[in-house]
Amino acid sequence: MRLWPLFLLLLSPWVSAMTLDDLQQRFTAQPVIRAHFTQTRQIKSLPQPLHSEGEMLLARGEGLLWQQRAPFPMLLILDDTRMVQAIDGQTPEVITAASNPQMFQFNHLLRALFQADRKVLEQNFRIEFADMGQGRWTLALTPTTTPLDKIFATIRLAGADYLESITLLDKQGDQTAIALSQHRITPARLTEDERKRFATR
């Protein structure tokens, strides 16, 4: 009988190990998530990295809204039918699957990354998921489909209750690192201002 508590102690890490399905369920349970982002891009041909920051919003049924504040204002909207980019008050540029299939595929991929959408990820990557313990995890993605395999060497995600970092390594040796912080899940519905931004045409 004395061995029973020890057996449970040894077994518990394996019983409670997180899986990719667990992660997807965790993410999809959050109807709206907001976070601050900082992005650092290191390009081999440039002496200094490029920095940007702003706010991110991911809403189930609506899409992804990327509101860059610095170094210049830019709004990026990704949903099921289009990709809209508006830079510093200029007329928005709208991209659809018909007008630019490759860019639209990348749109779909970005949303899948933020939502840990297993189906989309398995269609495009070799997946290595690791439970780091204490609720933390990492996800390494190696592209298996074209044109992703021509662009990216690997994509790495990491986090805990929320996605905290995305690192994109491209075939040219450049790297983009996105850090997400100040996650907020309330209010659980979009505000009127957020709805207006998603309706940008």
Protein backbone atom coordinates (compact mmCIF):
# COMPACT_ATOMS: atom_id res chain seq x y z
CA MET A 1 0.00 0.00 0.00
CA ARG A 2 2.90 2.34 0.66
CA LEU A 3 3.86 2.09 -3.02
CA TRP A 4 0.49 3.38 -4.23
CA PRO A 5 1.09 7.15 -3.58
CA LEU A 6 4.52 6.86 -5.21
CA PHE A 7 2.98 5.12 -8.23
CA LEU A 8 0.44 7.93 -8.62
CA LEU A 9 3.17 10.52 -8.30
CA LEU A 10 5.20 8.89 -11.07
CA LEU A 11 2.19 8.35 -13.29
CA SER A 12 0.54 11.77 -12.94
CA PRO A 13 2.80 13.69 -15.37
CA TRP A 14 1.92 11.21 -18.11
CA VAL A 15 -1.78 11.20 -17.33
CA SER A 16 -1.98 15.00 -17.39
CA ALA A 17 0.35 15.59 -20.35
CA MET A 18 -1.06 18.22 -22.66
CA THR A 19 -1.76 17.38 -26.29
CA LEU A 20 -2.36 19.47 -29.39
CA ASP A 21 -6.07 18.65 -29.13
CA ASP A 22 -6.08 19.98 -25.57
CA LEU A 23 -4.43 23.17 -26.78
CA GLN A 24 -6.95 23.65 -29.59
CA GLN A 25 -9.83 23.14 -27.15
CA ARG A 26 -8.27 25.67 -24.78
CA PHE A 27 -7.98 28.27 -27.53
CA THR A 28 -11.42 27.71 -29.05
CA ALA A 29 -13.00 28.06 -25.61
CA GLN A 30 -12.09 31.75 -25.73
CA PRO A 31 -14.60 33.54 -28.03
CA VAL A 32 -12.60 36.79 -28.01
CA ILE A 33 -8.99 37.34 -27.05
CA ARG A 34 -7.05 40.60 -27.11
CA ALA A 35 -3.32 41.06 -26.61
CA HIS A 36 -0.48 43.51 -27.07
CA PHE A 37 2.15 42.49 -29.62
CA THR A 38 5.74 43.42 -30.28
CA GLN A 39 7.34 42.25 -33.49
CA THR A 40 11.06 42.11 -34.24
CA ARG A 41 12.26 41.25 -37.72
CA GLN A 42 15.93 40.50 -38.31
CA ILE A 43 16.91 40.74 -41.97
CA LYS A 44 20.44 39.69 -42.90
CA SER A 45 20.91 42.59 -45.30
CA LEU A 46 20.02 45.21 -42.66
CA PRO A 47 22.35 46.25 -39.82
CA GLN A 48 19.53 46.75 -37.31
CA PRO A 49 16.34 44.75 -36.70
CA LEU A 50 12.95 46.23 -37.55
CA HIS A 51 10.54 46.74 -34.65
CA SER A 52 6.77 47.25 -34.56
CA GLU A 53 4.06 47.02 -31.93
CA GLY A 54 0.34 47.31 -31.48
CA GLU A 55 -2.77 45.39 -30.52
CA MET A 56 -4.12 42.03 -31.70
CA LEU A 57 -7.71 40.83 -31.57
CA LEU A 58 -8.89 37.31 -32.43
CA ALA A 59 -12.65 36.75 -32.46
CA ARG A 60 -14.35 33.43 -33.18
CA GLY A 61 -16.59 33.76 -36.22
CA GLU A 62 -15.07 37.11 -37.19
CA GLY A 63 -11.36 36.68 -37.74
CA LEU A 64 -8.06 38.29 -36.79
CA LEU A 65 -7.51 42.02 -36.42
CA TRP A 66 -3.91 43.30 -36.30
CA GLN A 67 -3.71 46.99 -35.31
CA GLN A 68 -0.13 48.22 -35.62
CA ARG A 69 0.54 51.46 -33.71
CA ALA A 70 4.27 51.97 -34.32
CA PRO A 71 6.39 52.78 -36.24
CA PHE A 72 3.33 53.82 -38.31
CA PRO A 73 -0.41 53.05 -38.10
CA MET A 74 -1.53 50.00 -40.04
CA LEU A 75 -4.68 47.91 -39.81
CA LEU A 76 -4.75 44.32 -41.03
CA ILE A 77 -7.97 42.28 -41.06
CA LEU A 78 -8.08 38.56 -41.85
CA ASP A 79 -11.37 36.69 -42.11
CA ASP A 80 -12.82 33.75 -44.07
CA THR A 81 -13.29 35.69 -47.30
CA ARG A 82 -10.71 38.47 -47.46
CA MET A 83 -7.57 40.15 -46.24
CA VAL A 84 -7.77 43.93 -45.78
CA GLN A 85 -4.74 46.14 -45.22
CA ALA A 86 -5.02 49.87 -44.52
CA ILE A 87 -1.83 51.90 -43.96
CA ASP A 88 -1.94 55.24 -42.17
CA GLY A 89 -5.36 56.34 -43.42
CA GLN A 90 -4.84 55.29 -47.04
CA THR A 91 -7.51 53.53 -49.07
CA PRO A 92 -7.65 49.90 -47.84
CA GLU A 93 -6.25 47.17 -50.08
CA VAL A 94 -8.54 44.13 -50.25
CA ILE A 95 -7.24 40.68 -51.19
CA THR A 96 -9.49 37.67 -51.81
CA ALA A 97 -8.92 34.05 -52.77
CA ALA A 98 -9.78 34.93 -56.36
CA SER A 99 -7.46 37.94 -56.65
CA ASN A 100 -4.41 36.43 -54.90
CA PRO A 101 -4.68 32.72 -53.99
CA GLN A 102 -1.23 32.46 -52.39
CA MET A 103 -1.70 35.50 -50.17
CA PHE A 104 -5.14 34.25 -49.16
CA GLN A 105 -3.63 30.88 -48.26
CA PHE A 106 -1.17 32.71 -46.01
CA ASN A 107 -4.12 34.58 -44.47
CA HIS A 108 -5.74 31.23 -43.65
CA LEU A 109 -2.47 29.96 -42.21
CA LEU A 110 -2.01 32.93 -39.89
CA ARG A 111 -5.42 32.42 -38.35
CA ALA A 112 -4.71 28.71 -37.95
CA LEU A 113 -1.52 29.54 -36.03
CA PHE A 114 -3.33 31.80 -33.58
CA GLN A 115 -6.11 29.24 -33.08
CA ALA A 116 -3.90 26.11 -33.05
CA ASP A 117 -6.23 24.70 -35.72
CA ARG A 118 -4.99 21.12 -35.91
CA LYS A 119 -6.70 20.29 -39.21
CA VAL A 120 -5.15 23.22 -41.08
CA LEU A 121 -1.74 22.74 -39.44
CA GLU A 122 -1.62 19.03 -40.30
CA GLN A 123 -2.48 19.82 -43.93
CA ASN A 124 0.52 22.13 -44.28
CA PHE A 125 3.18 21.12 -41.73
CA ARG A 126 5.04 18.36 -40.01
CA ILE A 127 4.10 18.98 -36.38
CA GLU A 128 6.21 18.55 -33.26
CA PHE A 129 4.21 19.34 -30.13
CA ALA A 130 5.87 19.27 -26.71
CA ASP A 131 4.37 19.56 -23.25
CA MET A 132 6.95 21.54 -21.24
CA GLY A 133 5.21 20.96 -17.91
CA GLN A 134 3.30 23.32 -15.61
CA GLY A 135 0.88 24.09 -18.41
CA ARG A 136 3.53 25.33 -20.83
CA TRP A 137 3.97 23.99 -24.36
CA THR A 138 5.89 24.46 -27.59
CA LEU A 139 4.90 23.72 -31.18
CA ALA A 140 7.41 23.39 -34.03
CA LEU A 141 6.02 23.43 -37.58
CA THR A 142 7.99 22.41 -40.66
CA PRO A 143 6.23 23.24 -43.96
CA THR A 144 5.33 20.30 -46.20
CA THR A 145 3.30 22.10 -48.90
CA THR A 146 4.14 24.65 -51.60
CA PRO A 147 4.57 27.62 -51.47
CA LEU A 148 5.07 27.49 -47.68
CA ASP A 149 8.04 25.14 -47.98
CA LYS A 150 9.68 27.62 -50.35
CA ILE A 151 9.24 30.51 -47.91
CA PHE A 152 9.65 29.15 -44.37
CA ALA A 153 12.22 26.81 -42.87
CA THR A 154 10.25 26.45 -39.63
CA ILE A 155 7.66 28.19 -37.49
CA ARG A 156 7.77 27.90 -33.70
CA LEU A 157 5.00 28.71 -31.25
CA ALA A 158 5.09 28.71 -27.46
CA GLY A 159 2.84 29.65 -24.58
CA ALA A 160 0.73 28.45 -21.68
CA ASP A 161 -2.91 29.44 -21.24
CA TYR A 162 -2.43 31.77 -24.20
CA LEU A 163 -0.19 31.91 -27.24
CA GLU A 164 2.82 33.98 -26.12
CA SER A 165 5.30 33.84 -28.98
CA ILE A 166 5.60 33.06 -32.68
CA THR A 167 8.98 32.77 -34.38
CA LEU A 168 9.16 32.51 -38.17
CA LEU A 169 12.45 31.42 -39.76
CA ASP A 170 12.49 31.82 -43.53
CA LYS A 171 14.58 30.16 -46.21
CA GLN A 172 16.64 33.35 -46.67
CA GLY A 173 17.91 33.17 -43.10
CA ASP A 174 15.74 36.05 -41.87
CA GLN A 175 13.74 35.79 -38.66
CA THR A 176 10.52 37.36 -37.39
CA ALA A 177 9.71 37.09 -33.69
CA ILE A 178 6.29 38.08 -32.34
CA ALA A 179 5.73 38.36 -28.60
CA LEU A 180 2.17 38.53 -27.24
CA SER A 181 1.41 39.89 -23.78
CA GLN A 182 -1.32 41.54 -21.69
CA HIS A 183 -3.88 38.95 -22.82
CA ARG A 184 -7.51 39.87 -22.15
CA ILE A 185 -10.64 37.76 -22.67
CA THR A 186 -13.19 40.27 -21.39
CA PRO A 187 -15.46 41.59 -22.62
CA ALA A 188 -16.32 38.24 -24.23
CA ARG A 189 -18.09 40.03 -27.09
CA LEU A 190 -16.80 42.59 -29.55
CA THR A 191 -17.24 46.23 -28.65
CA GLU A 192 -18.98 48.55 -31.10
CA ASP A 193 -15.61 50.02 -32.13
CA GLU A 194 -14.15 46.55 -32.76
CA ARG A 195 -17.16 45.62 -34.91
CA LYS A 196 -16.63 48.75 -36.99
CA ARG A 197 -12.99 47.87 -37.57
CA PHE A 198 -13.89 44.36 -38.72
CA ALA A 199 -16.38 45.96 -41.13
CA THR A 200 -13.64 48.06 -42.80
CA ARG A 201 -13.93 47.91 -46.57
